[in-house]
Amino acid sequence: QLVESGGGLTQAGGSLRLSCAASGLTFRSYTVG
C-alpha cells in the first residue's frame, strides 16, 4: 500500500510538501517516483 498526503491549495510561488507512506514491501529495495 502507498498512501499520499500533503496536497492542498496554495498560491503561485507557494510551497507544499507531499509524503508517500509505504507498507507491505521492503521499502529500500524499491525505486519510488
PDB file of all heavy atoms in Angstrom:
ATOM      1  N   GLN A   1       0.834  -1.188   0.000  1.00  0.00           N
ATOM      2  CA  GLN A   1       0.000   0.000   0.000  1.00  0.00           C
ATOM      3  C   GLN A   1       0.873   1.243   0.000  1.00  0.00           C
ATOM      4  O   GLN A   1       1.852   1.329   0.748  1.00  0.00           O
ATOM      5  CB  GLN A   1      -0.925   0.016   1.214  1.00  0.00           C
ATOM      6  CG  GLN A   1      -1.939   1.138   1.211  1.00  0.00           C
ATOM      7  CD  GLN A   1      -2.931   1.033   2.351  1.00  0.00           C
ATOM      8  OE1 GLN A   1      -2.695   0.337   3.338  1.00  0.00           O
ATOM      9  NE2 GLN A   1      -4.053   1.722   2.229  1.00  0.00           N
ATOM     10  N   LEU A   2       0.523   2.193  -0.837  1.00  0.00           N
ATOM     11  CA  LEU A   2       1.155   3.500  -0.878  1.00  0.00           C
ATOM     12  C   LEU A   2       0.081   4.540  -0.624  1.00  0.00           C
ATOM     13  O   LEU A   2      -0.969   4.523  -1.269  1.00  0.00           O
ATOM     14  CB  LEU A   2       1.812   3.761  -2.230  1.00  0.00           C
ATOM     15  CG  LEU A   2       2.867   2.759  -2.712  1.00  0.00           C
ATOM     16  CD1 LEU A   2       3.314   3.112  -4.127  1.00  0.00           C
ATOM     17  CD2 LEU A   2       4.057   2.748  -1.771  1.00  0.00           C
ATOM     18  N   VAL A   3       0.342   5.453   0.287  1.00  0.00           N
ATOM     19  CA  VAL A   3      -0.631   6.467   0.657  1.00  0.00           C
ATOM     20  C   VAL A   3       0.027   7.832   0.588  1.00  0.00           C
ATOM     21  O   VAL A   3       0.983   8.102   1.319  1.00  0.00           O
ATOM     22  CB  VAL A   3      -1.204   6.226   2.059  1.00  0.00           C
ATOM     23  CG1 VAL A   3      -2.201   7.324   2.412  1.00  0.00           C
ATOM     24  CG2 VAL A   3      -1.870   4.864   2.136  1.00  0.00           C
ATOM     25  N   GLU A   4      -0.503   8.688  -0.273  1.00  0.00           N
ATOM     26  CA  GLU A   4      -0.006  10.053  -0.400  1.00  0.00           C
ATOM     27  C   GLU A   4      -0.754  10.977   0.552  1.00  0.00           C
ATOM     28  O   GLU A   4      -1.930  10.761   0.860  1.00  0.00           O
ATOM     29  CB  GLU A   4      -0.183  10.578  -1.831  1.00  0.00           C
ATOM     30  CG  GLU A   4       0.479   9.738  -2.907  1.00  0.00           C
ATOM     31  CD  GLU A   4      -0.468   8.748  -3.541  1.00  0.00           C
ATOM     32  OE1 GLU A   4      -1.436   8.329  -2.872  1.00  0.00           O
ATOM     33  OE2 GLU A   4      -0.249   8.392  -4.720  1.00  0.00           O
ATOM     34  N   SER A   5      -0.072  12.022   0.967  1.00  0.00           N
ATOM     35  CA  SER A   5      -0.691  13.056   1.773  1.00  0.00           C
ATOM     36  C   SER A   5       0.062  14.360   1.557  1.00  0.00           C
ATOM     37  O   SER A   5       1.144  14.371   0.980  1.00  0.00           O
ATOM     38  CB  SER A   5      -0.699  12.685   3.259  1.00  0.00           C
ATOM     39  OG  SER A   5       0.622  12.541   3.754  1.00  0.00           O
ATOM     40  N   GLY A   6      -0.519  15.449   2.015  1.00  0.00           N
ATOM     41  CA  GLY A   6       0.141  16.742   1.958  1.00  0.00           C
ATOM     42  C   GLY A   6      -0.342  17.667   0.869  1.00  0.00           C
ATOM     43  O   GLY A   6       0.108  18.817   0.801  1.00  0.00           O
ATOM     44  N   GLY A   7      -1.228  17.201   0.019  1.00  0.00           N
ATOM     45  CA  GLY A   7      -1.756  18.068  -1.011  1.00  0.00           C
ATOM     46  C   GLY A   7      -2.663  19.133  -0.431  1.00  0.00           C
ATOM     47  O   GLY A   7      -3.064  19.081   0.729  1.00  0.00           O
ATOM     48  N   GLY A   8      -2.980  20.103  -1.254  1.00  0.00           N
ATOM     49  CA  GLY A   8      -3.836  21.188  -0.816  1.00  0.00           C
ATOM     50  C   GLY A   8      -3.821  22.323  -1.796  1.00  0.00           C
ATOM     51  O   GLY A   8      -3.428  22.167  -2.954  1.00  0.00           O
ATOM     52  N   LEU A   9      -4.256  23.470  -1.316  1.00  0.00           N
ATOM     53  CA  LEU A   9      -4.328  24.672  -2.133  1.00  0.00           C
ATOM     54  C   LEU A   9      -3.272  25.668  -1.682  1.00  0.00           C
ATOM     55  O   LEU A   9      -3.045  25.857  -0.479  1.00  0.00           O
ATOM     56  CB  LEU A   9      -5.703  25.326  -2.021  1.00  0.00           C
ATOM     57  CG  LEU A   9      -6.877  24.670  -2.745  1.00  0.00           C
ATOM     58  CD1 LEU A   9      -7.338  23.421  -2.012  1.00  0.00           C
ATOM     59  CD2 LEU A   9      -8.028  25.652  -2.869  1.00  0.00           C
ATOM     60  N   THR A  10      -2.634  26.300  -2.642  1.00  0.00           N
ATOM     61  CA  THR A  10      -1.686  27.347  -2.341  1.00  0.00           C
ATOM     62  C   THR A  10      -1.669  28.338  -3.495  1.00  0.00           C
ATOM     63  O   THR A  10      -2.179  28.058  -4.578  1.00  0.00           O
ATOM     64  CB  THR A  10      -0.277  26.782  -2.090  1.00  0.00           C
ATOM     65  OG1 THR A  10       0.573  27.804  -1.563  1.00  0.00           O
ATOM     66  CG2 THR A  10       0.330  26.257  -3.382  1.00  0.00           C
ATOM     67  N   GLN A  11      -1.082  29.478  -3.257  1.00  0.00           N
ATOM     68  CA  GLN A  11      -0.952  30.492  -4.290  1.00  0.00           C
ATOM     69  C   GLN A  11       0.322  30.281  -5.091  1.00  0.00           C
ATOM     70  O   GLN A  11       1.246  29.597  -4.649  1.00  0.00           O
ATOM     71  CB  GLN A  11      -0.954  31.891  -3.678  1.00  0.00           C
ATOM     72  CG  GLN A  11      -2.246  32.277  -2.989  1.00  0.00           C
ATOM     73  CD  GLN A  11      -2.202  33.686  -2.430  1.00  0.00           C
ATOM     74  OE1 GLN A  11      -1.140  34.243  -2.201  1.00  0.00           O
ATOM     75  NE2 GLN A  11      -3.376  34.257  -2.208  1.00  0.00           N
ATOM     76  N   ALA A  12       0.349  30.862  -6.272  1.00  0.00           N
ATOM     77  CA  ALA A  12       1.561  30.817  -7.072  1.00  0.00           C
ATOM     78  C   ALA A  12       2.747  31.339  -6.267  1.00  0.00           C
ATOM     79  O   ALA A  12       2.648  32.352  -5.577  1.00  0.00           O
ATOM     80  CB  ALA A  12       1.381  31.630  -8.341  1.00  0.00           C
ATOM     81  N   GLY A  13       3.845  30.619  -6.352  1.00  0.00           N
ATOM     82  CA  GLY A  13       5.025  30.949  -5.579  1.00  0.00           C
ATOM     83  C   GLY A  13       5.098  30.271  -4.232  1.00  0.00           C
ATOM     84  O   GLY A  13       6.137  30.344  -3.557  1.00  0.00           O
ATOM     85  N   GLY A  14       4.038  29.603  -3.835  1.00  0.00           N
ATOM     86  CA  GLY A  14       3.999  28.931  -2.553  1.00  0.00           C
ATOM     87  C   GLY A  14       4.681  27.577  -2.575  1.00  0.00           C
ATOM     88  O   GLY A  14       5.237  27.148  -3.587  1.00  0.00           O
ATOM     89  N   SER A  15       4.606  26.900  -1.440  1.00  0.00           N
ATOM     90  CA  SER A  15       5.261  25.605  -1.271  1.00  0.00           C
ATOM     91  C   SER A  15       4.321  24.597  -0.637  1.00  0.00           C
ATOM     92  O   SER A  15       3.438  24.950   0.151  1.00  0.00           O
ATOM     93  CB  SER A  15       6.504  25.744  -0.384  1.00  0.00           C
ATOM     94  OG  SER A  15       7.462  26.612  -0.947  1.00  0.00           O
ATOM     95  N   LEU A  16       4.516  23.339  -0.995  1.00  0.00           N
ATOM     96  CA  LEU A  16       3.829  22.222  -0.378  1.00  0.00           C
ATOM     97  C   LEU A  16       4.806  21.064  -0.262  1.00  0.00           C
ATOM     98  O   LEU A  16       5.717  20.923  -1.087  1.00  0.00           O
ATOM     99  CB  LEU A  16       2.616  21.775  -1.192  1.00  0.00           C
ATOM    100  CG  LEU A  16       1.393  22.682  -1.215  1.00  0.00           C
ATOM    101  CD1 LEU A  16       0.386  22.170  -2.243  1.00  0.00           C
ATOM    102  CD2 LEU A  16       0.742  22.750   0.160  1.00  0.00           C
ATOM    103  N   ARG A  17       4.595  20.230   0.734  1.00  0.00           N
ATOM    104  CA  ARG A  17       5.407  19.031   0.912  1.00  0.00           C
ATOM    105  C   ARG A  17       4.501  17.811   0.886  1.00  0.00           C
ATOM    106  O   ARG A  17       3.651  17.642   1.762  1.00  0.00           O
ATOM    107  CB  ARG A  17       6.163  19.079   2.231  1.00  0.00           C
ATOM    108  CG  ARG A  17       7.185  17.944   2.404  1.00  0.00           C
ATOM    109  CD  ARG A  17       7.584  17.804   3.850  1.00  0.00           C
ATOM    110  NE  ARG A  17       8.793  17.020   4.042  1.00  0.00           N
ATOM    111  CZ  ARG A  17       9.113  16.411   5.181  1.00  0.00           C
ATOM    112  NH1 ARG A  17       8.326  16.517   6.240  1.00  0.00           N
ATOM    113  NH2 ARG A  17      10.236  15.723   5.270  1.00  0.00           N
ATOM    114  N   LEU A  18       4.689  16.976  -0.115  1.00  0.00           N
ATOM    115  CA  LEU A  18       3.934  15.747  -0.230  1.00  0.00           C
ATOM    116  C   LEU A  18       4.691  14.600   0.420  1.00  0.00           C
ATOM    117  O   LEU A  18       5.919  14.550   0.379  1.00  0.00           O
ATOM    118  CB  LEU A  18       3.668  15.405  -1.690  1.00  0.00           C
ATOM    119  CG  LEU A  18       2.994  16.485  -2.545  1.00  0.00           C
ATOM    120  CD1 LEU A  18       2.727  15.939  -3.943  1.00  0.00           C
ATOM    121  CD2 LEU A  18       1.725  16.984  -1.891  1.00  0.00           C
ATOM    122  N   SER A  19       3.943  13.672   0.999  1.00  0.00           N
ATOM    123  CA  SER A  19       4.517  12.482   1.593  1.00  0.00           C
ATOM    124  C   SER A  19       3.899  11.247   0.970  1.00  0.00           C
ATOM    125  O   SER A  19       2.721  11.241   0.616  1.00  0.00           O
ATOM    126  CB  SER A  19       4.280  12.460   3.109  1.00  0.00           C
ATOM    127  OG  SER A  19       4.905  13.544   3.749  1.00  0.00           O
ATOM    128  N   CYS A  20       4.689  10.201   0.848  1.00  0.00           N
ATOM    129  CA  CYS A  20       4.232   8.903   0.370  1.00  0.00           C
ATOM    130  C   CYS A  20       4.666   7.869   1.385  1.00  0.00           C
ATOM    131  O   CYS A  20       5.863   7.569   1.499  1.00  0.00           O
ATOM    132  CB  CYS A  20       4.817   8.598  -1.007  1.00  0.00           C
ATOM    133  SG  CYS A  20       4.496   6.925  -1.609  1.00  0.00           S
ATOM    134  N   ALA A  21       3.716   7.335   2.117  1.00  0.00           N
ATOM    135  CA  ALA A  21       3.992   6.324   3.126  1.00  0.00           C
ATOM    136  C   ALA A  21       3.718   4.944   2.550  1.00  0.00           C
ATOM    137  O   ALA A  21       2.638   4.697   2.005  1.00  0.00           O
ATOM    138  CB  ALA A  21       3.139   6.564   4.362  1.00  0.00           C
ATOM    139  N   ALA A  22       4.679   4.045   2.686  1.00  0.00           N
ATOM    140  CA  ALA A  22       4.584   2.714   2.107  1.00  0.00           C
ATOM    141  C   ALA A  22       4.492   1.652   3.194  1.00  0.00           C
ATOM    142  O   ALA A  22       5.072   1.793   4.276  1.00  0.00           O
ATOM    143  CB  ALA A  22       5.789   2.424   1.220  1.00  0.00           C
ATOM    144  N   SER A  23       3.778   0.588   2.885  1.00  0.00           N
ATOM    145  CA  SER A  23       3.699  -0.568   3.766  1.00  0.00           C
ATOM    146  C   SER A  23       3.596  -1.831   2.924  1.00  0.00           C
ATOM    147  O   SER A  23       3.188  -1.787   1.762  1.00  0.00           O
ATOM    148  CB  SER A  23       2.509  -0.456   4.720  1.00  0.00           C
ATOM    149  OG  SER A  23       1.284  -0.435   4.000  1.00  0.00           O
ATOM    150  N   GLY A  24       3.972  -2.964   3.516  1.00  0.00           N
ATOM    151  CA  GLY A  24       3.824  -4.239   2.836  1.00  0.00           C
ATOM    152  C   GLY A  24       4.924  -4.599   1.862  1.00  0.00           C
ATOM    153  O   GLY A  24       4.769  -5.553   1.094  1.00  0.00           O
ATOM    154  N   LEU A  25       6.040  -3.886   1.877  1.00  0.00           N
ATOM    155  CA  LEU A  25       7.152  -4.173   0.991  1.00  0.00           C
ATOM    156  C   LEU A  25       8.461  -3.798   1.667  1.00  0.00           C
ATOM    157  O   LEU A  25       8.465  -3.040   2.643  1.00  0.00           O
ATOM    158  CB  LEU A  25       7.004  -3.458  -0.353  1.00  0.00           C
ATOM    159  CG  LEU A  25       7.288  -1.953  -0.428  1.00  0.00           C
ATOM    160  CD1 LEU A  25       7.266  -1.499  -1.884  1.00  0.00           C
ATOM    161  CD2 LEU A  25       6.314  -1.141   0.397  1.00  0.00           C
ATOM    162  N   THR A  26       9.547  -4.353   1.148  1.00  0.00           N
ATOM    163  CA  THR A  26      10.874  -3.955   1.616  1.00  0.00           C
ATOM    164  C   THR A  26      11.203  -2.636   0.947  1.00  0.00           C
ATOM    165  O   THR A  26      11.715  -2.599  -0.169  1.00  0.00           O
ATOM    166  CB  THR A  26      11.902  -5.040   1.290  1.00  0.00           C
ATOM    167  OG1 THR A  26      11.488  -6.283   1.852  1.00  0.00           O
ATOM    168  CG2 THR A  26      13.260  -4.664   1.868  1.00  0.00           C
ATOM    169  N   PHE A  27      10.924  -1.569   1.643  1.00  0.00           N
ATOM    170  CA  PHE A  27      10.873  -0.253   1.040  1.00  0.00           C
ATOM    171  C   PHE A  27      12.176   0.142   0.361  1.00  0.00           C
ATOM    172  O   PHE A  27      12.165   0.700  -0.738  1.00  0.00           O
ATOM    173  CB  PHE A  27      10.484   0.778   2.099  1.00  0.00           C
ATOM    174  CG  PHE A  27      10.209   2.138   1.551  1.00  0.00           C
ATOM    175  CD1 PHE A  27       9.094   2.376   0.772  1.00  0.00           C
ATOM    176  CD2 PHE A  27      11.070   3.186   1.823  1.00  0.00           C
ATOM    177  CE1 PHE A  27       8.834   3.635   0.267  1.00  0.00           C
ATOM    178  CE2 PHE A  27      10.817   4.454   1.332  1.00  0.00           C
ATOM    179  CZ  PHE A  27       9.696   4.679   0.550  1.00  0.00           C
ATOM    180  N   ARG A  28      13.290  -0.132   0.994  1.00  0.00           N
ATOM    181  CA  ARG A  28      14.565   0.321   0.449  1.00  0.00           C
ATOM    182  C   ARG A  28      14.942  -0.386  -0.843  1.00  0.00           C
ATOM    183  O   ARG A  28      15.860   0.062  -1.529  1.00  0.00           O
ATOM    184  CB  ARG A  28      15.673   0.146   1.481  1.00  0.00           C
ATOM    185  CG  ARG A  28      16.069  -1.292   1.757  1.00  0.00           C
ATOM    186  CD  ARG A  28      17.245  -1.335   2.728  1.00  0.00           C
ATOM    187  NE  ARG A  28      17.716  -2.696   2.948  1.00  0.00           N
ATOM    188  CZ  ARG A  28      18.588  -3.328   2.178  1.00  0.00           C
ATOM    189  NH1 ARG A  28      19.091  -2.722   1.116  1.00  0.00           N
ATOM    190  NH2 ARG A  28      18.964  -4.563   2.462  1.00  0.00           N
ATOM    191  N   SER A  29      14.271  -1.467  -1.184  1.00  0.00           N
ATOM    192  CA  SER A  29      14.546  -2.194  -2.415  1.00  0.00           C
ATOM    193  C   SER A  29      13.830  -1.609  -3.626  1.00  0.00           C
ATOM    194  O   SER A  29      14.026  -2.093  -4.739  1.00  0.00           O
ATOM    195  CB  SER A  29      14.145  -3.662  -2.270  1.00  0.00           C
ATOM    196  OG  SER A  29      14.893  -4.297  -1.240  1.00  0.00           O
ATOM    197  N   TYR A  30      13.027  -0.602  -3.427  1.00  0.00           N
ATOM    198  CA  TYR A  30      12.194  -0.053  -4.483  1.00  0.00           C
ATOM    199  C   TYR A  30      12.637   1.344  -4.887  1.00  0.00           C
ATOM    200  O   TYR A  30      12.985   2.176  -4.042  1.00  0.00           O
ATOM    201  CB  TYR A  30      10.737   0.026  -4.023  1.00  0.00           C
ATOM    202  CG  TYR A  30      10.033  -1.307  -3.992  1.00  0.00           C
ATOM    203  CD1 TYR A  30      10.277  -2.214  -2.974  1.00  0.00           C
ATOM    204  CD2 TYR A  30       9.116  -1.650  -4.978  1.00  0.00           C
ATOM    205  CE1 TYR A  30       9.634  -3.438  -2.947  1.00  0.00           C
ATOM    206  CE2 TYR A  30       8.458  -2.868  -4.953  1.00  0.00           C
ATOM    207  CZ  TYR A  30       8.723  -3.755  -3.932  1.00  0.00           C
ATOM    208  OH  TYR A  30       8.073  -4.967  -3.901  1.00  0.00           O
ATOM    209  N   THR A  31      12.620   1.568  -6.176  1.00  0.00           N
ATOM    210  CA  THR A  31      12.646   2.928  -6.684  1.00  0.00           C
ATOM    211  C   THR A  31      11.248   3.527  -6.531  1.00  0.00           C
ATOM    212  O   THR A  31      10.252   2.858  -6.806  1.00  0.00           O
ATOM    213  CB  THR A  31      13.066   2.948  -8.160  1.00  0.00           C
ATOM    214  OG1 THR A  31      14.419   2.499  -8.264  1.00  0.00           O
ATOM    215  CG2 THR A  31      12.958   4.343  -8.751  1.00  0.00           C
ATOM    216  N   VAL A  32      11.182   4.747  -6.083  1.00  0.00           N
ATOM    217  CA  VAL A  32       9.905   5.412  -5.865  1.00  0.00           C
ATOM    218  C   VAL A  32       9.842   6.670  -6.713  1.00  0.00           C
ATOM    219  O   VAL A  32      10.805   7.451  -6.748  1.00  0.00           O
ATOM    220  CB  VAL A  32       9.693   5.756  -4.385  1.00  0.00           C
ATOM    221  CG1 VAL A  32       8.379   6.510  -4.195  1.00  0.00           C
ATOM    222  CG2 VAL A  32       9.691   4.483  -3.547  1.00  0.00           C
ATOM    223  N   GLY A  33       8.728   6.849  -7.385  1.00  0.00           N
ATOM    224  CA  GLY A  33       8.546   8.002  -8.238  1.00  0.00           C
ATOM    225  C   GLY A  33       7.277   8.757  -7.910  1.00  0.00           C
ATOM    226  O   GLY A  33       6.363   8.236  -7.264  1.00  0.00           O
TER     227      GLY A  33
END
